[in-house]
Protein backbone atom coordinates (compact mmCIF):
# COMPACT_ATOMS: atom_id res chain seq x y z
CA MET A 1 0.00 0.00 0.00
CA LYS A 2 2.85 2.40 0.82
CA LYS A 3 4.28 1.86 -2.66
CA TYR A 4 0.99 2.91 -4.25
CA LEU A 5 0.77 6.01 -2.07
CA ARG A 6 4.34 6.95 -2.96
CA GLU A 7 3.63 6.49 -6.69
CA PHE A 8 0.39 8.45 -6.37
CA GLY A 9 2.34 11.26 -4.71
CA LYS A 10 4.74 11.30 -7.65
CA LEU A 11 1.82 11.50 -10.06
CA VAL A 12 0.32 14.42 -8.15
CA GLY A 13 3.70 16.16 -8.32
CA ILE A 14 3.88 15.67 -12.08
CA PHE A 15 0.39 17.10 -12.55
CA SER A 16 1.35 20.08 -10.42
CA ILE A 17 4.37 20.78 -12.62
CA LEU A 18 2.36 20.42 -15.81
CA ARG A 19 -0.41 22.67 -14.53
CA SER A 20 2.04 25.41 -13.60
CA ASN A 21 3.66 25.23 -17.03
CA VAL A 22 0.41 25.30 -19.00
CA LYS A 23 -0.06 29.02 -18.34
CA HIS A 24 3.43 29.72 -19.60
CA LEU A 25 2.90 27.59 -22.71
CA PHE A 26 -0.36 29.39 -23.53
CA SER A 27 1.39 32.72 -23.14
CA GLU A 28 4.16 31.63 -25.50
CA ALA A 29 1.59 30.27 -27.96
CA GLU A 30 -0.12 33.66 -27.98
CA GLU A 31 3.23 35.29 -28.78
CA VAL A 32 3.71 32.82 -31.65
CA LYS A 33 0.26 33.72 -32.93
CA GLN A 34 1.14 37.43 -32.84
CA ALA A 35 4.43 36.87 -34.64
CA ILE A 36 2.61 34.95 -37.39
CA LYS A 37 -0.05 37.65 -37.61
CA ASN A 38 2.64 40.34 -37.90
CA LYS A 39 4.69 38.23 -40.34
CA ASP A 40 7.68 38.67 -38.04
CA LYS A 41 9.87 35.67 -38.93
CA GLU A 42 12.68 36.60 -36.54
CA ASN A 43 10.34 36.86 -33.56
CA LEU A 44 8.50 33.71 -34.66
CA GLU A 45 11.74 31.73 -34.50
CA GLU A 46 12.43 33.07 -31.03
CA GLU A 47 8.94 32.29 -29.74
CA LEU A 48 8.96 28.77 -31.20
CA GLY A 49 12.28 28.25 -29.44
CA ASP A 50 10.69 29.42 -26.20
CA ILE A 51 7.86 26.91 -26.58
CA PHE A 52 10.33 24.13 -27.36
CA PHE A 53 12.42 25.02 -24.31
CA ALA A 54 9.36 25.18 -22.05
CA GLY A 55 8.26 21.75 -23.28
CA CYS A 56 11.69 20.24 -22.67
CA PHE A 57 11.87 21.88 -19.24
CA SER A 58 8.45 20.47 -18.30
CA ARG A 59 9.46 17.01 -19.47
CA SER A 60 12.70 17.18 -17.52
CA ASN A 61 10.89 18.21 -14.34
CA CYS A 62 8.35 15.42 -14.74
CA GLN A 63 11.08 12.82 -15.21
CA ARG A 64 12.66 13.88 -11.92
CA LYS A 65 9.40 13.24 -10.09
């Protein structure tokens, strides 16, 4: 039973990390949308990089849990 509680605690931690990062990802997605709308290729590249980094960071944090 303790093993299941420990694993459940890890799962809760992962969801907490993902939930906190969702706001950031939506913000970055909005910036990508604006860059596309403004046809700003340089800014688009930067914003796509930000989304990629945020995704990798989230994945890394979840793997640690």
